[in-house]
Amino acid sequence: MIGTLKKSVTVGLAAAGLAATGMASATDVRLGLNSSAGLGCQIVGGRVGFQEGRFGIYAQGAYCTSNVEGRSGTGSFGGLITGDLLTYGNVTTYALLGAEVQGSNTAVQGGLGLRYGIALLPVEGYVEVGAQRISTALQPIIGPRLAVGINYRLNVASLQGQMPAPFKFEDGTTTQYAGSAPAECKLTPEQDIASARGAARSAADEGLGAAASAYGAAYSKVSYKIEITSVGINGNVGSAGGKVTISATQNSNGEQVSGTYGGTIKLVRSGCGWQATGFTRNDG
């Protein structure tokens, strides 16, 4: 019973880590909810758009308060474009420029944003700060702009139904290859498979590292070993199966917990390389 409990606790730690890794690079569809958090008229809003590599384009709408007693709010509709600037770990900074209609007035806006996302988890948070210029019949009004929100990401390639079936774990290493890298990449199938394997290992390592840090209050002396046992590529999508052996010390009682956890990482081609976009747990 105690052994089972130890394994389940450790597996939970590994699952949390592997269910949480990277940033967008291939084409993503983003659905978002946001608010101005009191700095601006926007009470609640939504946006939908595409992110291709470093650049994104979005349509957005919001409900704006009038801030005048007895007067109802209005709708705000428009769009914006973004361009990623710097990425460090799970954080990406970007510039933005947009325009919208607020009631009977028009507004333009610009500023900087920061996204925090972990690649195998399709949810990311963001905050945007900048300025906006509202054109009115009397004179323009210039003021600050703030947006705080959360996005849900869907990778376009993952929606095309080409993903190879999840692998069964074996003692040896297996591969399946039914695709080709872009000609300009000059990659052999072996090199393409090795690139996919490396991307999966990197995503798993990043996720486990993030989990070890996040669970620092509960566990210490965390160590893990990642094994990628299967890789499959079908066109511009792929998957990598493997397992993680993890051990840690439970801070509450000093006990050593350990266990093995398996799963399949989904991949999409990104330029000449690969990007992790999702994770499926294997309890077998």
Protein backbone atom coordinates (compact mmCIF):
# COMPACT_ATOMS: atom_id res chain seq x y z
CA MET A 1 0.00 0.00 0.00
CA ILE A 2 2.78 2.41 0.96
CA GLY A 3 4.68 1.51 -2.22
CA THR A 4 1.61 2.22 -4.32
CA LEU A 5 1.13 5.57 -2.59
CA LYS A 6 4.76 6.52 -3.18
CA LYS A 7 4.51 5.66 -6.85
CA SER A 8 1.26 7.56 -7.31
CA VAL A 9 2.70 10.69 -5.67
CA THR A 10 5.81 10.55 -7.84
CA VAL A 11 3.81 9.84 -10.98
CA GLY A 12 1.69 12.88 -10.14
CA LEU A 13 4.83 15.01 -10.02
CA ALA A 14 6.03 13.65 -13.36
CA ALA A 15 2.60 14.09 -14.93
CA ALA A 16 2.44 17.69 -13.81
CA GLY A 17 5.83 18.34 -15.35
CA LEU A 18 5.21 16.59 -18.65
CA ALA A 19 1.81 18.19 -18.98
CA ALA A 20 3.55 21.54 -18.96
CA THR A 21 6.22 22.60 -21.52
CA GLY A 22 7.03 25.60 -24.53
CA MET A 23 6.11 28.33 -26.88
CA ALA A 24 4.43 28.70 -30.24
CA SER A 25 6.48 28.48 -33.41
CA ALA A 26 4.39 26.65 -35.99
CA THR A 27 0.93 28.00 -36.88
CA ASP A 28 -1.34 28.26 -33.83
CA VAL A 29 -4.97 29.32 -33.49
CA ARG A 30 -5.43 31.35 -30.31
CA LEU A 31 -8.67 31.96 -28.42
CA GLY A 32 -8.39 34.46 -25.58
CA LEU A 33 -10.24 36.21 -22.76
CA ASN A 34 -8.97 39.45 -21.23
CA SER A 35 -9.70 42.55 -19.18
CA SER A 36 -8.18 46.00 -18.72
CA ALA A 37 -8.05 45.35 -14.95
CA GLY A 38 -9.43 48.86 -14.40
CA LEU A 39 -6.86 50.75 -16.51
CA GLY A 40 -9.06 51.61 -19.49
CA CYS A 41 -12.69 51.08 -20.47
CA GLN A 42 -12.57 47.33 -21.14
CA ILE A 43 -14.38 45.23 -18.55
CA VAL A 44 -14.18 41.89 -20.35
CA GLY A 45 -13.15 41.00 -23.88
CA GLY A 46 -12.25 38.19 -26.20
CA ARG A 47 -9.91 37.67 -29.12
CA VAL A 48 -9.30 35.09 -31.81
CA GLY A 49 -6.39 34.91 -34.22
CA PHE A 50 -3.40 33.12 -35.69
CA GLN A 51 0.25 33.03 -34.68
CA GLU A 52 2.68 31.97 -37.42
CA GLY A 53 6.25 31.87 -36.23
CA ARG A 54 7.00 35.26 -34.66
CA PHE A 55 3.97 37.11 -36.04
CA GLY A 56 0.31 37.10 -35.06
CA ILE A 57 -2.92 38.74 -36.25
CA TYR A 58 -6.07 38.92 -34.13
CA ALA A 59 -9.65 40.18 -34.10
CA GLN A 60 -11.01 41.24 -30.75
CA GLY A 61 -14.15 42.56 -29.11
CA ALA A 62 -14.93 43.86 -25.65
CA TYR A 63 -17.56 45.45 -23.44
CA CYS A 64 -16.47 48.93 -22.34
CA THR A 65 -17.85 50.77 -19.32
CA SER A 66 -18.92 54.37 -19.80
CA ASN A 67 -17.73 55.32 -16.28
CA VAL A 68 -20.56 57.88 -16.27
CA GLU A 69 -23.31 57.45 -13.69
CA GLY A 70 -26.57 56.39 -15.30
CA ARG A 71 -25.05 55.73 -18.74
CA SER A 72 -24.61 52.21 -20.06
CA GLY A 73 -21.41 50.91 -21.60
CA THR A 74 -20.68 50.25 -25.28
CA GLY A 75 -19.05 47.62 -27.41
CA SER A 76 -15.50 47.84 -28.72
CA PHE A 77 -14.40 45.96 -31.86
CA GLY A 78 -11.13 45.88 -33.75
CA GLY A 79 -7.93 44.00 -34.38
CA LEU A 80 -4.22 43.97 -33.73
CA ILE A 81 -0.97 42.56 -35.04
CA THR A 82 1.91 41.31 -32.89
CA GLY A 83 5.56 40.52 -33.44
CA ASP A 84 7.65 38.46 -31.01
CA LEU A 85 10.84 40.17 -29.83
CA LEU A 86 12.71 38.01 -27.31
CA THR A 87 12.12 34.58 -25.79
CA TYR A 88 13.73 33.46 -22.56
CA GLY A 89 12.62 30.11 -21.17
CA ASN A 90 8.83 30.11 -21.03
CA VAL A 91 8.54 33.90 -21.39
CA THR A 92 8.16 35.72 -24.72
CA THR A 93 8.05 39.49 -25.16
CA TYR A 94 6.32 41.05 -28.16
CA ALA A 95 5.34 44.37 -29.70
CA LEU A 96 1.75 45.11 -30.74
CA LEU A 97 -0.17 47.61 -32.85
CA GLY A 98 -3.94 47.76 -33.16
CA ALA A 99 -7.04 49.76 -34.03
CA GLU A 100 -10.66 49.53 -32.91
CA VAL A 101 -14.03 51.25 -32.82
CA GLN A 102 -15.28 52.24 -29.35
CA GLY A 103 -18.92 53.22 -29.67
CA SER A 104 -18.90 56.10 -32.18
CA ASN A 105 -15.18 56.81 -31.74
CA THR A 106 -12.10 55.21 -33.25
CA ALA A 107 -8.90 54.38 -31.41
CA VAL A 108 -5.38 53.28 -32.25
CA GLN A 109 -3.06 51.61 -29.78
CA GLY A 110 0.47 50.34 -29.43
CA GLY A 111 2.67 48.82 -26.78
CA LEU A 112 4.55 45.81 -25.50
CA GLY A 113 3.33 42.45 -24.26
CA LEU A 114 4.62 39.47 -22.32
CA ARG A 115 3.39 35.88 -22.74
CA TYR A 116 4.03 33.01 -20.37
CA GLY A 117 3.34 29.57 -21.78
CA ILE A 118 4.48 25.99 -21.25
CA ALA A 119 4.36 24.08 -24.69
CA LEU A 120 2.64 20.85 -23.78
CA LEU A 121 0.02 22.83 -21.88
CA PRO A 122 -2.26 24.63 -24.40
CA VAL A 123 -3.01 27.54 -22.05
CA GLU A 124 -0.85 30.68 -21.73
CA GLY A 125 -1.21 33.93 -19.83
CA TYR A 126 -0.33 37.38 -21.12
CA VAL A 127 -0.14 41.03 -20.08
CA GLU A 128 0.04 44.00 -22.46
CA VAL A 129 0.89 47.62 -21.59
CA GLY A 130 1.02 50.68 -23.82
CA ALA A 131 -0.91 53.76 -24.91
CA GLN A 132 -3.98 54.46 -27.01
CA ARG A 133 -5.28 57.49 -28.89
CA ILE A 134 -9.06 57.89 -29.11
CA SER A 135 -10.38 60.24 -31.80
CA THR A 136 -13.49 62.21 -30.78
CA ALA A 137 -15.50 64.98 -32.42
CA LEU A 138 -13.83 67.57 -30.16
CA GLN A 139 -10.24 66.44 -29.69
CA PRO A 140 -8.14 63.30 -29.42
CA ILE A 141 -7.77 61.65 -26.03
CA ILE A 142 -4.48 59.92 -25.25
CA GLY A 143 -4.21 57.56 -22.30
CA PRO A 144 -2.69 54.34 -20.99
CA ARG A 145 -3.76 50.88 -22.10
CA LEU A 146 -3.57 47.61 -20.19
CA ALA A 147 -4.78 44.12 -21.10
CA VAL A 148 -4.46 41.06 -18.87
CA GLY A 149 -5.67 37.76 -20.29
CA ILE A 150 -5.35 34.09 -21.00
CA ASN A 151 -5.14 32.26 -24.34
CA TYR A 152 -6.05 28.74 -25.38
CA ARG A 153 -3.80 27.49 -28.19
CA LEU A 154 -4.68 24.99 -30.92
CA ASN A 155 -1.94 23.95 -33.33
CA VAL A 156 -3.15 23.86 -36.94
CA ALA A 157 -1.17 20.75 -37.87
CA SER A 158 -2.58 18.90 -34.87
CA LEU A 159 -6.11 19.54 -36.19
CA GLN A 160 -5.47 17.81 -39.52
CA GLY A 161 -5.86 14.26 -38.25
CA GLN A 162 -2.43 13.07 -39.45
CA MET A 163 -0.97 12.19 -36.08
CA PRO A 164 0.46 8.66 -35.91
CA ALA A 165 -1.17 6.37 -33.37
CA PRO A 166 0.40 6.40 -29.88
CA PHE A 167 3.26 3.94 -29.46
CA LYS A 168 3.41 0.98 -27.16
CA PHE A 169 6.50 1.06 -25.01
CA GLU A 170 9.15 -1.52 -25.69
CA ASP A 171 12.60 -2.31 -24.37
CA GLY A 172 14.22 -1.36 -27.66
CA THR A 173 13.93 1.72 -29.85
CA THR A 174 11.43 1.82 -32.72
CA THR A 175 10.88 4.36 -35.48
CA GLN A 176 8.29 5.00 -38.19
CA TYR A 177 8.97 7.45 -41.01
CA ALA A 178 6.51 8.56 -43.67
CA GLY A 179 7.45 12.12 -44.48
CA SER A 180 10.21 14.41 -45.60
CA ALA A 181 11.74 17.64 -44.34
CA PRO A 182 11.64 20.74 -46.58
CA ALA A 183 14.21 20.45 -49.36
CA GLU A 184 16.12 23.49 -48.15
CA CYS A 185 16.80 21.75 -44.83
CA LYS A 186 18.86 19.01 -46.54
CA LEU A 187 18.02 16.46 -43.84
CA THR A 188 18.15 12.70 -44.23
CA PRO A 189 15.33 10.65 -42.63
CA GLU A 190 17.75 9.66 -39.88
CA GLN A 191 18.59 13.30 -39.15
CA ASP A 192 14.90 14.25 -39.22
CA ILE A 193 14.09 11.50 -36.73
CA ALA A 194 17.00 12.55 -34.51
CA SER A 195 15.71 16.14 -34.57
CA ALA A 196 12.23 15.00 -33.53
CA ARG A 197 13.71 12.85 -30.77
CA GLY A 198 15.74 15.80 -29.50
CA ALA A 199 12.74 18.13 -29.51
CA ALA A 200 10.70 15.62 -27.49
CA ARG A 201 13.51 15.10 -24.99
CA SER A 202 13.99 18.86 -24.62
CA ALA A 203 10.26 19.41 -24.03
CA ALA A 204 10.15 16.64 -21.42
CA ASP A 205 13.23 18.01 -19.68
CA GLU A 206 11.78 21.53 -19.63
CA GLY A 207 8.47 20.31 -18.26
CA LEU A 208 10.01 18.19 -15.54
CA GLY A 209 12.32 21.02 -14.56
CA ALA A 210 9.34 23.37 -14.29
CA ALA A 211 7.45 20.83 -12.16
CA ALA A 212 10.41 20.26 -9.85
CA SER A 213 10.63 24.00 -9.28
CA ALA A 214 6.86 24.45 -8.84
CA TYR A 215 6.65 21.59 -6.31
CA GLY A 216 9.71 22.76 -4.36
CA ALA A 217 7.68 23.16 -1.18
CA ALA A 218 6.59 19.51 -1.28
CA TYR A 219 9.62 17.74 -2.80
CA SER A 220 13.39 18.19 -2.74
CA LYS A 221 16.41 16.43 -4.25
CA VAL A 222 14.43 15.68 -7.41
CA SER A 223 16.21 13.63 -10.08
CA TYR A 224 14.90 12.03 -13.25
CA LYS A 225 15.94 10.03 -16.28
CA ILE A 226 14.22 10.52 -19.65
CA GLU A 227 14.05 7.68 -22.19
CA ILE A 228 12.65 8.25 -25.70
CA THR A 229 11.88 4.74 -26.95
CA SER A 230 9.75 5.38 -30.06
CA VAL A 231 9.61 8.09 -32.74
CA GLY A 232 7.18 8.34 -35.64
CA ILE A 233 6.86 10.96 -38.37
CA ASN A 234 3.96 11.33 -40.80
CA GLY A 235 4.47 14.34 -43.07
CA ASN A 236 4.69 17.44 -40.91
CA VAL A 237 3.45 15.83 -37.70
CA GLY A 238 4.95 13.21 -35.44
CA SER A 239 5.01 11.68 -32.00
CA ALA A 240 7.62 10.42 -29.58
CA GLY A 241 6.91 7.78 -26.96
CA GLY A 242 8.98 7.24 -23.87
CA LYS A 243 9.15 7.08 -20.12
CA VAL A 244 10.56 8.98 -17.20
CA THR A 245 12.03 7.44 -14.08
CA ILE A 246 11.84 10.01 -11.29
CA SER A 247 12.79 10.13 -7.63
CA ALA A 248 12.46 12.79 -4.96
CA THR A 249 12.43 13.35 -1.22
CA GLN A 250 9.08 14.19 0.33
CA ASN A 251 9.70 17.23 2.54
CA SER A 252 6.88 16.50 4.99
CA ASN A 253 8.38 13.24 6.26
CA GLY A 254 11.79 12.85 4.58
CA GLU A 255 10.70 9.73 2.67
CA GLN A 256 12.23 8.89 -0.71
CA VAL A 257 9.56 8.43 -3.40
CA SER A 258 10.17 7.07 -6.87
CA GLY A 259 8.33 5.70 -9.88
CA THR A 260 8.20 5.36 -13.65
CA TYR A 261 5.79 7.31 -15.81
CA GLY A 262 5.16 6.90 -19.55
CA GLY A 263 3.46 8.85 -22.30
CA THR A 264 3.53 10.18 -25.86
CA ILE A 265 4.59 13.68 -26.87
CA LYS A 266 2.95 15.14 -30.00
CA LEU A 267 5.17 17.04 -32.42
CA VAL A 268 4.72 19.39 -35.38
CA ARG A 269 7.35 20.48 -37.87
CA SER A 270 8.65 23.99 -37.29
CA GLY A 271 11.00 25.10 -40.06
CA CYS A 272 13.76 22.51 -40.24
CA GLY A 273 13.09 21.30 -36.71
CA TRP A 274 10.25 20.13 -34.50
CA GLN A 275 8.09 21.61 -31.76
CA ALA A 276 6.21 19.80 -28.99
CA THR A 277 2.49 20.65 -28.96
CA GLY A 278 0.81 18.15 -26.67
CA PHE A 279 1.11 15.18 -24.39
CA THR A 280 -0.86 11.96 -23.82
CA ARG A 281 -0.38 10.01 -20.61
CA ASN A 282 0.04 6.24 -20.70
CA ASP A 283 -1.07 4.45 -17.57
CA GLY A 284 -0.27 1.00 -18.91
